[in-house]
Amino acid sequence: MAVPKRKMSRSNTRHRRAQWKAAVPQLTPCPCPRKEMVVPHRACAHCGLYKGRQVAERP
């Protein structure tokens, strides 16, 4: 197993960790008349449509 030879400085550690950022999820409008915004490649939570067909029960 790889083991570091030297301790990584606080500056380098923080510089590396500063690159980890959360990204806002991309949203697309659902094809139903309400045009509710949904995450791509997921069934709509409101109507249960995915790629124009019914895949889930309507709540």
PDB file of N, CA and C in Angstrom:
ATOM      1  N   MET A   1       0.833  -1.178   0.000  1.00  0.00           N
ATOM      2  CA  MET A   1       0.000   0.000   0.000  1.00  0.00           C
ATOM      3  C   MET A   1       0.880   1.244   0.000  1.00  0.00           C
ATOM      4  N   ALA A   2       0.485   2.270  -0.740  1.00  0.00           N
ATOM      5  CA  ALA A   2       1.268   3.490  -0.820  1.00  0.00           C
ATOM      6  C   ALA A   2       1.143   4.285   0.475  1.00  0.00           C
ATOM      7  N   VAL A   3       2.280   4.732   0.973  1.00  0.00           N
ATOM      8  CA  VAL A   3       2.308   5.531   2.200  1.00  0.00           C
ATOM      9  C   VAL A   3       3.123   6.787   1.918  1.00  0.00           C
ATOM     10  N   PRO A   4       2.597   7.986   2.296  1.00  0.00           N
ATOM     11  CA  PRO A   4       3.355   9.203   2.044  1.00  0.00           C
ATOM     12  C   PRO A   4       4.671   9.225   2.835  1.00  0.00           C
ATOM     13  N   LYS A   5       5.721   9.714   2.199  1.00  0.00           N
ATOM     14  CA  LYS A   5       7.022   9.783   2.864  1.00  0.00           C
ATOM     15  C   LYS A   5       7.124  10.990   3.782  1.00  0.00           C
ATOM     16  N   ARG A   6       6.440  12.069   3.423  1.00  0.00           N
ATOM     17  CA  ARG A   6       6.479  13.304   4.221  1.00  0.00           C
ATOM     18  C   ARG A   6       5.068  13.760   4.554  1.00  0.00           C
ATOM     19  N   LYS A   7       4.958  14.480   5.671  1.00  0.00           N
ATOM     20  CA  LYS A   7       3.662  15.045   6.062  1.00  0.00           C
ATOM     21  C   LYS A   7       3.288  16.152   5.083  1.00  0.00           C
ATOM     22  N   MET A   8       2.036  16.160   4.644  1.00  0.00           N
ATOM     23  CA  MET A   8       1.563  17.218   3.751  1.00  0.00           C
ATOM     24  C   MET A   8       1.254  18.462   4.578  1.00  0.00           C
ATOM     25  N   SER A   9       1.747  19.598   4.130  1.00  0.00           N
ATOM     26  CA  SER A   9       1.556  20.841   4.887  1.00  0.00           C
ATOM     27  C   SER A   9       0.087  21.249   4.912  1.00  0.00           C
ATOM     28  N   ARG A  10      -0.268  22.067   5.883  1.00  0.00           N
ATOM     29  CA  ARG A  10      -1.636  22.574   6.008  1.00  0.00           C
ATOM     30  C   ARG A  10      -2.044  23.356   4.770  1.00  0.00           C
ATOM     31  N   SER A  11      -1.113  24.132   4.261  1.00  0.00           N
ATOM     32  CA  SER A  11      -1.393  24.944   3.079  1.00  0.00           C
ATOM     33  C   SER A  11      -1.747  24.066   1.874  1.00  0.00           C
ATOM     34  N   ASN A  12      -0.943  23.037   1.648  1.00  0.00           N
ATOM     35  CA  ASN A  12      -1.208  22.140   0.529  1.00  0.00           C
ATOM     36  C   ASN A  12      -2.503  21.364   0.717  1.00  0.00           C
ATOM     37  N   THR A  13      -2.763  20.928   1.938  1.00  0.00           N
ATOM     38  CA  THR A  13      -3.993  20.190   2.228  1.00  0.00           C
ATOM     39  C   THR A  13      -5.200  21.070   1.950  1.00  0.00           C
ATOM     40  N   ARG A  14      -5.175  22.291   2.443  1.00  0.00           N
ATOM     41  CA  ARG A  14      -6.306  23.206   2.266  1.00  0.00           C
ATOM     42  C   ARG A  14      -6.456  23.624   0.802  1.00  0.00           C
ATOM     43  N   HIS A  15      -5.340  23.766   0.117  1.00  0.00           N
ATOM     44  CA  HIS A  15      -5.397  24.123  -1.301  1.00  0.00           C
ATOM     45  C   HIS A  15      -6.081  23.010  -2.097  1.00  0.00           C
ATOM     46  N   ARG A  16      -5.769  21.763  -1.775  1.00  0.00           N
ATOM     47  CA  ARG A  16      -6.384  20.635  -2.452  1.00  0.00           C
ATOM     48  C   ARG A  16      -7.872  20.548  -2.120  1.00  0.00           C
ATOM     49  N   ARG A  17      -8.227  20.704  -0.846  1.00  0.00           N
ATOM     50  CA  ARG A  17      -9.618  20.598  -0.418  1.00  0.00           C
ATOM     51  C   ARG A  17     -10.478  21.734  -0.946  1.00  0.00           C
ATOM     52  N   ALA A  18      -9.866  22.853  -1.269  1.00  0.00           N
ATOM     53  CA  ALA A  18     -10.625  24.004  -1.768  1.00  0.00           C
ATOM     54  C   ALA A  18     -11.220  23.731  -3.153  1.00  0.00           C
ATOM     55  N   GLN A  19     -10.710  22.719  -3.854  1.00  0.00           N
ATOM     56  CA  GLN A  19     -11.215  22.409  -5.192  1.00  0.00           C
ATOM     57  C   GLN A  19     -12.505  21.597  -5.165  1.00  0.00           C
ATOM     58  N   TRP A  20     -12.858  21.022  -3.998  1.00  0.00           N
ATOM     59  CA  TRP A  20     -14.085  20.229  -3.870  1.00  0.00           C
ATOM     60  C   TRP A  20     -15.253  21.165  -3.709  1.00  0.00           C
ATOM     61  N   LYS A  21     -16.079  21.280  -4.738  1.00  0.00           N
ATOM     62  CA  LYS A  21     -17.220  22.185  -4.703  1.00  0.00           C
ATOM     63  C   LYS A  21     -18.481  21.426  -5.079  1.00  0.00           C
ATOM     64  N   ALA A  22     -19.570  21.803  -4.469  1.00  0.00           N
ATOM     65  CA  ALA A  22     -20.862  21.219  -4.821  1.00  0.00           C
ATOM     66  C   ALA A  22     -21.381  21.905  -6.085  1.00  0.00           C
ATOM     67  N   ALA A  23     -21.964  21.124  -6.977  1.00  0.00           N
ATOM     68  CA  ALA A  23     -22.511  21.678  -8.219  1.00  0.00           C
ATOM     69  C   ALA A  23     -24.040  21.675  -8.148  1.00  0.00           C
ATOM     70  N   VAL A  24     -24.640  22.690  -8.692  1.00  0.00           N
ATOM     71  CA  VAL A  24     -26.098  22.766  -8.751  1.00  0.00           C
ATOM     72  C   VAL A  24     -26.577  21.748  -9.785  1.00  0.00           C
ATOM     73  N   PRO A  25     -27.557  20.891  -9.438  1.00  0.00           N
ATOM     74  CA  PRO A  25     -28.016  19.903 -10.412  1.00  0.00           C
ATOM     75  C   PRO A  25     -28.714  20.564 -11.600  1.00  0.00           C
ATOM     76  N   GLN A  26     -28.463  20.022 -12.782  1.00  0.00           N
ATOM     77  CA  GLN A  26     -29.108  20.532 -13.986  1.00  0.00           C
ATOM     78  C   GLN A  26     -30.562  20.072 -13.994  1.00  0.00           C
ATOM     79  N   LEU A  27     -31.475  20.954 -14.336  1.00  0.00           N
ATOM     80  CA  LEU A  27     -32.895  20.619 -14.370  1.00  0.00           C
ATOM     81  C   LEU A  27     -33.446  20.834 -15.771  1.00  0.00           C
ATOM     82  N   THR A  28     -34.396  19.980 -16.161  1.00  0.00           N
ATOM     83  CA  THR A  28     -35.067  20.108 -17.449  1.00  0.00           C
ATOM     84  C   THR A  28     -36.574  20.083 -17.223  1.00  0.00           C
ATOM     85  N   PRO A  29     -37.336  20.725 -18.084  1.00  0.00           N
ATOM     86  CA  PRO A  29     -38.792  20.711 -17.904  1.00  0.00           C
ATOM     87  C   PRO A  29     -39.377  19.343 -18.268  1.00  0.00           C
ATOM     88  N   CYS A  30     -40.355  18.920 -17.482  1.00  0.00           N
ATOM     89  CA  CYS A  30     -41.063  17.661 -17.737  1.00  0.00           C
ATOM     90  C   CYS A  30     -41.951  17.845 -18.972  1.00  0.00           C
ATOM     91  N   PRO A  31     -42.166  16.797 -19.786  1.00  0.00           N
ATOM     92  CA  PRO A  31     -43.014  16.946 -20.975  1.00  0.00           C
ATOM     93  C   PRO A  31     -44.501  17.103 -20.668  1.00  0.00           C
ATOM     94  N   CYS A  32     -44.915  16.937 -19.412  1.00  0.00           N
ATOM     95  CA  CYS A  32     -46.333  17.084 -19.065  1.00  0.00           C
ATOM     96  C   CYS A  32     -46.753  18.554 -19.167  1.00  0.00           C
ATOM     97  N   PRO A  33     -48.031  18.855 -19.174  1.00  0.00           N
ATOM     98  CA  PRO A  33     -48.488  20.247 -19.315  1.00  0.00           C
ATOM     99  C   PRO A  33     -47.998  21.193 -18.210  1.00  0.00           C
ATOM    100  N   ARG A  34     -47.719  20.674 -17.022  1.00  0.00           N
ATOM    101  CA  ARG A  34     -47.262  21.539 -15.924  1.00  0.00           C
ATOM    102  C   ARG A  34     -45.832  22.027 -16.119  1.00  0.00           C
ATOM    103  N   LYS A  35     -45.033  21.332 -16.936  1.00  0.00           N
ATOM    104  CA  LYS A  35     -43.631  21.679 -17.207  1.00  0.00           C
ATOM    105  C   LYS A  35     -42.825  21.802 -15.910  1.00  0.00           C
ATOM    106  N   GLU A  36     -43.036  20.877 -14.992  1.00  0.00           N
ATOM    107  CA  GLU A  36     -42.308  20.887 -13.731  1.00  0.00           C
ATOM    108  C   GLU A  36     -40.847  20.544 -13.991  1.00  0.00           C
ATOM    109  N   MET A  37     -39.931  21.190 -13.274  1.00  0.00           N
ATOM    110  CA  MET A  37     -38.509  20.963 -13.475  1.00  0.00           C
ATOM    111  C   MET A  37     -38.074  19.678 -12.776  1.00  0.00           C
ATOM    112  N   VAL A  38     -37.391  18.803 -13.526  1.00  0.00           N
ATOM    113  CA  VAL A  38     -36.930  17.523 -12.992  1.00  0.00           C
ATOM    114  C   VAL A  38     -35.470  17.301 -13.362  1.00  0.00           C
ATOM    115  N   VAL A  39     -34.789  16.443 -12.607  1.00  0.00           N
ATOM    116  CA  VAL A  39     -33.412  16.076 -12.904  1.00  0.00           C
ATOM    117  C   VAL A  39     -33.428  15.167 -14.134  1.00  0.00           C
ATOM    118  N   PRO A  40     -32.527  15.357 -15.104  1.00  0.00           N
ATOM    119  CA  PRO A  40     -32.517  14.506 -16.298  1.00  0.00           C
ATOM    120  C   PRO A  40     -32.327  13.033 -15.954  1.00  0.00           C
ATOM    121  N   HIS A  41     -32.869  12.153 -16.764  1.00  0.00           N
ATOM    122  CA  HIS A  41     -32.776  10.701 -16.627  1.00  0.00           C
ATOM    123  C   HIS A  41     -33.449  10.193 -15.361  1.00  0.00           C
ATOM    124  N   ARG A  42     -34.474  10.915 -14.893  1.00  0.00           N
ATOM    125  CA  ARG A  42     -35.272  10.489 -13.740  1.00  0.00           C
ATOM    126  C   ARG A  42     -36.737  10.663 -14.102  1.00  0.00           C
ATOM    127  N   ALA A  43     -37.583   9.824 -13.552  1.00  0.00           N
ATOM    128  CA  ALA A  43     -39.021   9.965 -13.773  1.00  0.00           C
ATOM    129  C   ALA A  43     -39.516  11.196 -13.016  1.00  0.00           C
ATOM    130  N   CYS A  44     -40.506  11.879 -13.581  1.00  0.00           N
ATOM    131  CA  CYS A  44     -41.078  13.064 -12.945  1.00  0.00           C
ATOM    132  C   CYS A  44     -41.812  12.635 -11.676  1.00  0.00           C
ATOM    133  N   ALA A  45     -41.561  13.317 -10.564  1.00  0.00           N
ATOM    134  CA  ALA A  45     -42.199  12.982  -9.290  1.00  0.00           C
ATOM    135  C   ALA A  45     -43.680  13.339  -9.313  1.00  0.00           C
ATOM    136  N   HIS A  46     -44.063  14.316 -10.145  1.00  0.00           N
ATOM    137  CA  HIS A  46     -45.456  14.763 -10.182  1.00  0.00           C
ATOM    138  C   HIS A  46     -46.329  13.830 -11.015  1.00  0.00           C
ATOM    139  N   CYS A  47     -45.914  13.548 -12.242  1.00  0.00           N
ATOM    140  CA  CYS A  47     -46.781  12.787 -13.161  1.00  0.00           C
ATOM    141  C   CYS A  47     -46.291  11.363 -13.438  1.00  0.00           C
ATOM    142  N   GLY A  48     -45.035  11.032 -13.119  1.00  0.00           N
ATOM    143  CA  GLY A  48     -44.522   9.686 -13.348  1.00  0.00           C
ATOM    144  C   GLY A  48     -44.088   9.413 -14.775  1.00  0.00           C
ATOM    145  N   LEU A  49     -43.892  10.453 -15.581  1.00  0.00           N
ATOM    146  CA  LEU A  49     -43.458  10.279 -16.970  1.00  0.00           C
ATOM    147  C   LEU A  49     -41.941  10.202 -17.059  1.00  0.00           C
ATOM    148  N   TYR A  50     -41.463   9.351 -17.976  1.00  0.00           N
ATOM    149  CA  TYR A  50     -40.038   9.286 -18.304  1.00  0.00           C
ATOM    150  C   TYR A  50     -39.947   9.034 -19.795  1.00  0.00           C
ATOM    151  N   LYS A  51     -39.276   9.926 -20.499  1.00  0.00           N
ATOM    152  CA  LYS A  51     -39.148   9.857 -21.961  1.00  0.00           C
ATOM    153  C   LYS A  51     -40.514   9.750 -22.634  1.00  0.00           C
ATOM    154  N   GLY A  52     -41.491  10.462 -22.111  1.00  0.00           N
ATOM    155  CA  GLY A  52     -42.797  10.523 -22.732  1.00  0.00           C
ATOM    156  C   GLY A  52     -43.724   9.357 -22.447  1.00  0.00           C
ATOM    157  N   ARG A  53     -43.320   8.413 -21.591  1.00  0.00           N
ATOM    158  CA  ARG A  53     -44.220   7.298 -21.266  1.00  0.00           C
ATOM    159  C   ARG A  53     -44.376   7.169 -19.756  1.00  0.00           C
ATOM    160  N   GLN A  54     -45.477   6.583 -19.357  1.00  0.00           N
ATOM    161  CA  GLN A  54     -45.809   6.424 -17.951  1.00  0.00           C
ATOM    162  C   GLN A  54     -45.020   5.265 -17.363  1.00  0.00           C
ATOM    163  N   VAL A  55     -44.156   5.537 -16.375  1.00  0.00           N
ATOM    164  CA  VAL A  55     -43.357   4.479 -15.769  1.00  0.00           C
ATOM    165  C   VAL A  55     -43.618   4.332 -14.274  1.00  0.00           C
ATOM    166  N   ALA A  56     -44.295   5.310 -13.662  1.00  0.00           N
ATOM    167  CA  ALA A  56     -44.562   5.249 -12.236  1.00  0.00           C
ATOM    168  C   ALA A  56     -46.007   5.634 -11.972  1.00  0.00           C
ATOM    169  N   GLU A  57     -46.530   5.160 -10.856  1.00  0.00           N
ATOM    170  CA  GLU A  57     -47.888   5.501 -10.465  1.00  0.00           C
ATOM    171  C   GLU A  57     -47.973   6.979 -10.107  1.00  0.00           C
ATOM    172  N   ARG A  58     -49.093   7.587 -10.434  1.00  0.00           N
ATOM    173  CA  ARG A  58     -49.294   8.984 -10.055  1.00  0.00           C
ATOM    174  C   ARG A  58     -49.673   9.033  -8.575  1.00  0.00           C
ATOM    175  N   PRO A  59     -49.084   9.949  -7.817  1.00  0.00           N
ATOM    176  CA  PRO A  59     -49.424  10.033  -6.383  1.00  0.00           C
ATOM    177  C   PRO A  59     -50.817  10.546  -6.123  1.00  0.00           C
TER     178      PRO A  59
END
